[in-house]
Amino acid sequence: MILLIGFRDDEVERIEEVLGEEVFSVGEGGLNREVSEVLSSPRDYHGYADVGGKFLIMHEIPGERVGEIVKGVKGVVGEVIPATTTPTSLRWRLSDLLEELKKEDEYFRSLRSPPNTS
């Protein structure tokens, strides 16, 4: 299953076309729910949430497909913060997971950036 958070409806439609499968856009109503709850009934939480970025959450996706999905989504929207679920993350509130993913993304970006020598 593929969850998208922070994506507009037109972006979601284009991503579905590129990937050739259904994806689920999660709105504000899903942010304070456990990730497992959102995954169990994603249509109940459909909508848009302004979360300061675009997040791609993949659940039970085969490893060889993960890279294809990330590449496809990036081809539509450019930057995205991807993640796969873990037994631990399934118990987190979605908003907490997104905050942790933002921190991880910032950390890894800082490692790729050249040091500021001025």
N, C-alpha and C. Protein backbone atom coordinates (compact mmCIF):
# COMPACT_ATOMS: atom_id res chain seq x y z
N MET A 1 0.84 -1.17 0.00
CA MET A 1 0.00 0.00 0.00
C MET A 1 0.89 1.24 0.00
N ILE A 2 0.43 2.27 -0.70
CA ILE A 2 1.19 3.51 -0.80
C ILE A 2 0.34 4.65 -0.25
N LEU A 3 0.90 5.35 0.74
CA LEU A 3 0.26 6.54 1.30
C LEU A 3 1.05 7.77 0.86
N LEU A 4 0.32 8.82 0.51
CA LEU A 4 0.92 10.10 0.17
C LEU A 4 0.39 11.15 1.13
N ILE A 5 1.28 11.95 1.69
CA ILE A 5 0.87 13.01 2.60
C ILE A 5 1.52 14.30 2.12
N GLY A 6 0.70 15.36 1.96
CA GLY A 6 1.21 16.65 1.49
C GLY A 6 1.12 16.82 -0.01
N PHE A 7 0.36 15.97 -0.68
CA PHE A 7 0.23 16.02 -2.13
C PHE A 7 -1.14 16.57 -2.51
N ARG A 8 -1.17 17.39 -3.57
CA ARG A 8 -2.44 17.90 -4.11
C ARG A 8 -3.11 16.78 -4.92
N ASP A 9 -4.42 16.92 -5.13
CA ASP A 9 -5.17 15.90 -5.87
C ASP A 9 -4.61 15.65 -7.26
N ASP A 10 -4.21 16.73 -7.97
CA ASP A 10 -3.68 16.54 -9.32
C ASP A 10 -2.37 15.76 -9.29
N GLU A 11 -1.56 15.96 -8.26
CA GLU A 11 -0.31 15.20 -8.13
C GLU A 11 -0.61 13.73 -7.85
N VAL A 12 -1.59 13.48 -7.00
CA VAL A 12 -1.98 12.11 -6.68
C VAL A 12 -2.44 11.38 -7.94
N GLU A 13 -3.25 12.05 -8.75
CA GLU A 13 -3.74 11.44 -9.99
C GLU A 13 -2.59 11.11 -10.94
N ARG A 14 -1.64 12.04 -11.08
CA ARG A 14 -0.49 11.80 -11.97
C ARG A 14 0.38 10.65 -11.44
N ILE A 15 0.55 10.59 -10.14
CA ILE A 15 1.34 9.50 -9.54
C ILE A 15 0.67 8.15 -9.80
N GLU A 16 -0.65 8.09 -9.66
CA GLU A 16 -1.36 6.84 -9.95
C GLU A 16 -1.15 6.42 -11.40
N GLU A 17 -1.18 7.39 -12.30
CA GLU A 17 -0.96 7.09 -13.72
C GLU A 17 0.45 6.55 -13.95
N VAL A 18 1.44 7.20 -13.35
CA VAL A 18 2.83 6.80 -13.54
C VAL A 18 3.09 5.42 -12.94
N LEU A 19 2.58 5.18 -11.73
CA LEU A 19 2.83 3.91 -11.05
C LEU A 19 1.93 2.78 -11.54
N GLY A 20 0.78 3.14 -12.09
CA GLY A 20 -0.15 2.12 -12.54
C GLY A 20 -0.85 1.39 -11.42
N GLU A 21 -0.97 2.07 -10.28
CA GLU A 21 -1.68 1.46 -9.15
C GLU A 21 -2.30 2.54 -8.28
N GLU A 22 -3.24 2.12 -7.46
CA GLU A 22 -3.93 3.05 -6.58
C GLU A 22 -3.01 3.47 -5.44
N VAL A 23 -3.06 4.77 -5.14
CA VAL A 23 -2.36 5.32 -3.98
C VAL A 23 -3.39 6.05 -3.14
N PHE A 24 -3.06 6.33 -1.89
CA PHE A 24 -4.01 6.94 -0.97
C PHE A 24 -3.41 8.22 -0.41
N SER A 25 -4.13 9.31 -0.59
CA SER A 25 -3.72 10.60 -0.07
C SER A 25 -4.35 10.78 1.31
N VAL A 26 -3.52 11.06 2.30
CA VAL A 26 -3.99 11.18 3.68
C VAL A 26 -4.08 12.65 4.06
N GLY A 27 -5.25 13.04 4.59
CA GLY A 27 -5.48 14.42 5.00
C GLY A 27 -5.30 14.62 6.49
N GLU A 28 -5.71 15.81 6.93
CA GLU A 28 -5.56 16.22 8.33
C GLU A 28 -6.13 15.20 9.31
N GLY A 29 -7.24 14.57 8.94
CA GLY A 29 -7.90 13.63 9.85
C GLY A 29 -7.07 12.41 10.20
N GLY A 30 -6.09 12.10 9.38
CA GLY A 30 -5.25 10.94 9.66
C GLY A 30 -4.01 11.23 10.46
N LEU A 31 -3.69 12.50 10.64
CA LEU A 31 -2.41 12.85 11.26
C LEU A 31 -2.30 12.42 12.72
N ASN A 32 -3.39 12.43 13.46
CA ASN A 32 -3.34 12.06 14.87
C ASN A 32 -3.72 10.61 15.12
N ARG A 33 -3.75 9.82 14.07
CA ARG A 33 -4.06 8.39 14.17
C ARG A 33 -2.78 7.57 14.08
N GLU A 34 -2.82 6.36 14.63
CA GLU A 34 -1.69 5.46 14.46
C GLU A 34 -1.56 5.10 12.98
N VAL A 35 -0.33 4.93 12.55
CA VAL A 35 -0.07 4.58 11.15
C VAL A 35 -0.84 3.31 10.78
N SER A 36 -0.87 2.32 11.66
CA SER A 36 -1.59 1.07 11.36
C SER A 36 -3.08 1.32 11.13
N GLU A 37 -3.65 2.25 11.88
CA GLU A 37 -5.07 2.57 11.72
C GLU A 37 -5.32 3.22 10.37
N VAL A 38 -4.46 4.14 9.98
CA VAL A 38 -4.60 4.79 8.68
C VAL A 38 -4.48 3.75 7.56
N LEU A 39 -3.53 2.85 7.70
CA LEU A 39 -3.35 1.81 6.68
C LEU A 39 -4.54 0.86 6.60
N SER A 40 -5.21 0.63 7.72
CA SER A 40 -6.33 -0.32 7.72
C SER A 40 -7.56 0.24 7.01
N SER A 41 -7.70 1.55 6.95
CA SER A 41 -8.84 2.16 6.25
C SER A 41 -8.44 3.52 5.68
N PRO A 42 -7.56 3.54 4.70
CA PRO A 42 -7.02 4.81 4.19
C PRO A 42 -8.06 5.73 3.57
N ARG A 43 -9.13 5.18 3.03
CA ARG A 43 -10.15 6.04 2.43
C ARG A 43 -10.85 6.91 3.48
N ASP A 44 -10.87 6.44 4.72
CA ASP A 44 -11.50 7.21 5.80
C ASP A 44 -10.73 8.50 6.10
N TYR A 45 -9.48 8.58 5.68
CA TYR A 45 -8.63 9.72 6.03
C TYR A 45 -8.19 10.49 4.79
N HIS A 46 -8.89 10.28 3.68
CA HIS A 46 -8.54 10.93 2.42
C HIS A 46 -8.58 12.45 2.55
N GLY A 47 -7.63 13.09 1.91
CA GLY A 47 -7.62 14.54 1.86
C GLY A 47 -6.21 15.08 1.73
N TYR A 48 -6.11 16.39 1.95
CA TYR A 48 -4.83 17.07 1.86
C TYR A 48 -4.44 17.57 3.24
N ALA A 49 -3.17 17.45 3.55
CA ALA A 49 -2.64 17.99 4.81
C ALA A 49 -1.36 18.76 4.48
N ASP A 50 -1.31 20.00 4.92
CA ASP A 50 -0.09 20.80 4.74
C ASP A 50 0.85 20.45 5.88
N VAL A 51 1.83 19.61 5.57
CA VAL A 51 2.73 19.09 6.60
C VAL A 51 4.18 19.54 6.38
N GLY A 52 4.36 20.55 5.54
CA GLY A 52 5.70 21.08 5.33
C GLY A 52 6.59 20.20 4.48
N GLY A 53 5.99 19.43 3.62
CA GLY A 53 6.75 18.57 2.72
C GLY A 53 5.84 17.54 2.09
N LYS A 54 6.43 16.72 1.25
CA LYS A 54 5.70 15.65 0.59
C LYS A 54 6.29 14.33 1.07
N PHE A 55 5.43 13.48 1.63
CA PHE A 55 5.86 12.22 2.23
C PHE A 55 5.24 11.05 1.48
N LEU A 56 6.07 10.04 1.26
CA LEU A 56 5.67 8.81 0.59
C LEU A 56 5.90 7.68 1.59
N ILE A 57 4.82 7.07 2.06
CA ILE A 57 4.92 5.97 3.02
C ILE A 57 4.50 4.68 2.30
N MET A 58 5.40 3.71 2.29
CA MET A 58 5.14 2.44 1.61
C MET A 58 5.02 1.33 2.64
N HIS A 59 3.96 0.53 2.50
CA HIS A 59 3.69 -0.56 3.45
C HIS A 59 3.57 -1.87 2.69
N GLU A 60 4.35 -2.85 3.13
CA GLU A 60 4.33 -4.19 2.53
C GLU A 60 4.59 -4.15 1.03
N ILE A 61 5.55 -3.31 0.64
CA ILE A 61 5.98 -3.22 -0.75
C ILE A 61 7.26 -4.05 -0.90
N PRO A 62 7.34 -4.93 -1.89
CA PRO A 62 8.57 -5.70 -2.08
C PRO A 62 9.77 -4.78 -2.30
N GLY A 63 10.91 -5.16 -1.75
CA GLY A 63 12.11 -4.33 -1.82
C GLY A 63 12.47 -3.86 -3.21
N GLU A 64 12.34 -4.74 -4.20
CA GLU A 64 12.70 -4.36 -5.56
C GLU A 64 11.75 -3.31 -6.14
N ARG A 65 10.57 -3.20 -5.59
CA ARG A 65 9.58 -2.23 -6.10
C ARG A 65 9.75 -0.86 -5.43
N VAL A 66 10.33 -0.80 -4.25
CA VAL A 66 10.47 0.46 -3.50
C VAL A 66 11.19 1.51 -4.34
N GLY A 67 12.33 1.17 -4.91
CA GLY A 67 13.09 2.12 -5.72
C GLY A 67 12.31 2.62 -6.92
N GLU A 68 11.57 1.73 -7.56
CA GLU A 68 10.75 2.12 -8.71
C GLU A 68 9.68 3.13 -8.30
N ILE A 69 9.06 2.89 -7.16
CA ILE A 69 8.01 3.79 -6.68
C ILE A 69 8.59 5.16 -6.36
N VAL A 70 9.70 5.18 -5.63
CA VAL A 70 10.33 6.46 -5.27
C VAL A 70 10.70 7.23 -6.54
N LYS A 71 11.30 6.56 -7.50
CA LYS A 71 11.68 7.20 -8.76
C LYS A 71 10.46 7.75 -9.49
N GLY A 72 9.39 6.97 -9.53
CA GLY A 72 8.17 7.42 -10.19
C GLY A 72 7.56 8.64 -9.54
N VAL A 73 7.51 8.65 -8.21
CA VAL A 73 6.94 9.79 -7.48
C VAL A 73 7.82 11.02 -7.67
N LYS A 74 9.13 10.85 -7.57
CA LYS A 74 10.04 11.99 -7.78
C LYS A 74 9.93 12.54 -9.19
N GLY A 75 9.63 11.68 -10.15
CA GLY A 75 9.45 12.13 -11.52
C GLY A 75 8.25 13.04 -11.68
N VAL A 76 7.28 12.91 -10.80
CA VAL A 76 6.08 13.75 -10.85
C VAL A 76 6.26 15.03 -10.04
N VAL A 77 6.80 14.92 -8.83
CA VAL A 77 6.82 16.08 -7.93
C VAL A 77 8.21 16.57 -7.55
N GLY A 78 9.24 15.90 -7.97
CA GLY A 78 10.59 16.32 -7.56
C GLY A 78 10.92 15.75 -6.20
N GLU A 79 11.15 16.61 -5.25
CA GLU A 79 11.56 16.16 -3.91
C GLU A 79 10.43 15.48 -3.16
N VAL A 80 10.77 14.40 -2.48
CA VAL A 80 9.83 13.67 -1.65
C VAL A 80 10.62 13.01 -0.53
N ILE A 81 9.99 12.83 0.60
CA ILE A 81 10.63 12.11 1.70
C ILE A 81 9.98 10.72 1.75
N PRO A 82 10.73 9.70 1.32
CA PRO A 82 10.17 8.35 1.28
C PRO A 82 10.47 7.57 2.56
N ALA A 83 9.60 6.61 2.85
CA ALA A 83 9.83 5.72 3.99
C ALA A 83 9.04 4.44 3.77
N THR A 84 9.54 3.37 4.36
CA THR A 84 8.78 2.13 4.44
C THR A 84 8.40 1.92 5.90
N THR A 85 7.30 1.26 6.11
CA THR A 85 6.86 1.02 7.48
C THR A 85 7.71 -0.05 8.15
N THR A 86 7.75 0.05 9.46
CA THR A 86 8.41 -0.96 10.30
C THR A 86 7.42 -1.36 11.38
N PRO A 87 7.66 -2.46 12.08
CA PRO A 87 6.76 -2.81 13.18
C PRO A 87 6.63 -1.67 14.20
N THR A 88 7.71 -0.96 14.43
CA THR A 88 7.66 0.16 15.38
C THR A 88 6.87 1.33 14.82
N SER A 89 7.15 1.72 13.57
CA SER A 89 6.47 2.89 13.01
C SER A 89 4.97 2.67 12.86
N LEU A 90 4.54 1.44 12.72
CA LEU A 90 3.10 1.17 12.61
C LEU A 90 2.35 1.58 13.87
N ARG A 91 3.03 1.63 15.01
CA ARG A 91 2.39 2.00 16.28
C ARG A 91 2.46 3.50 16.55
N TRP A 92 3.20 4.25 15.75
CA TRP A 92 3.34 5.69 15.96
C TRP A 92 2.14 6.44 15.41
N ARG A 93 1.89 7.61 16.00
CA ARG A 93 0.95 8.52 15.35
C ARG A 93 1.59 8.99 14.06
N LEU A 94 0.78 9.15 13.02
CA LEU A 94 1.31 9.55 11.72
C LEU A 94 2.07 10.87 11.83
N SER A 95 1.54 11.84 12.57
CA SER A 95 2.22 13.13 12.70
C SER A 95 3.59 12.98 13.33
N ASP A 96 3.73 12.10 14.30
CA ASP A 96 5.04 11.86 14.93
C ASP A 96 6.01 11.22 13.94
N LEU A 97 5.52 10.29 13.15
CA LEU A 97 6.36 9.66 12.14
C LEU A 97 6.85 10.70 11.13
N LEU A 98 5.97 11.58 10.69
CA LEU A 98 6.37 12.60 9.71
C LEU A 98 7.43 13.53 10.29
N GLU A 99 7.28 13.89 11.56
CA GLU A 99 8.30 14.74 12.20
C GLU A 99 9.64 14.04 12.26
N GLU A 100 9.64 12.77 12.59
CA GLU A 100 10.89 12.00 12.64
C GLU A 100 11.51 11.89 11.25
N LEU A 101 10.68 11.66 10.25
CA LEU A 101 11.19 11.57 8.88
C LEU A 101 11.78 12.89 8.42
N LYS A 102 11.17 14.01 8.81
CA LYS A 102 11.73 15.33 8.48
C LYS A 102 13.12 15.48 9.08
N LYS A 103 13.26 15.12 10.35
CA LYS A 103 14.56 15.22 11.03
C LYS A 103 15.61 14.36 10.33
N GLU A 104 15.24 13.13 10.00
CA GLU A 104 16.17 12.24 9.31
C GLU A 104 16.56 12.81 7.95
N ASP A 105 15.58 13.35 7.23
CA ASP A 105 15.85 13.93 5.91
C ASP A 105 16.82 15.11 6.03
N GLU A 106 16.59 15.99 7.01
CA GLU A 106 17.48 17.13 7.21
C GLU A 106 18.89 16.66 7.55
N TYR A 107 19.00 15.64 8.39
CA TYR A 107 20.31 15.11 8.76
C TYR A 107 21.05 14.57 7.54
N PHE A 108 20.38 13.75 6.74
CA PHE A 108 21.05 13.16 5.58
C PHE A 108 21.37 14.21 4.53
N ARG A 109 20.53 15.24 4.41
CA ARG A 109 20.86 16.34 3.49
C ARG A 109 22.11 17.07 3.95
N SER A 110 22.25 17.25 5.26
CA SER A 110 23.44 17.94 5.78
C SER A 110 24.70 17.13 5.50
N LEU A 111 24.61 15.82 5.48
CA LEU A 111 25.77 14.99 5.17
C LEU A 111 26.18 15.12 3.71
N ARG A 112 25.20 15.35 2.84
CA ARG A 112 25.49 15.47 1.41
C ARG A 112 25.95 16.87 1.03
N SER A 113 25.64 17.86 1.86
CA SER A 113 26.01 19.24 1.56
C SER A 113 27.48 19.47 1.87
N PRO A 114 28.16 20.24 1.01
CA PRO A 114 29.56 20.56 1.33
C PRO A 114 29.61 21.44 2.57
N PRO A 115 30.66 21.30 3.38
CA PRO A 115 30.75 22.13 4.59
C PRO A 115 30.88 23.60 4.23
N ASN A 116 30.30 24.43 5.05
CA ASN A 116 30.37 25.88 4.86
C ASN A 116 31.71 26.36 5.41
N THR A 117 32.57 26.85 4.53
CA THR A 117 33.92 27.26 4.95
C THR A 117 34.08 28.76 5.02
N SER A 118 33.00 29.49 5.00
CA SER A 118 33.14 30.96 5.04
C SER A 118 33.24 31.48 6.45
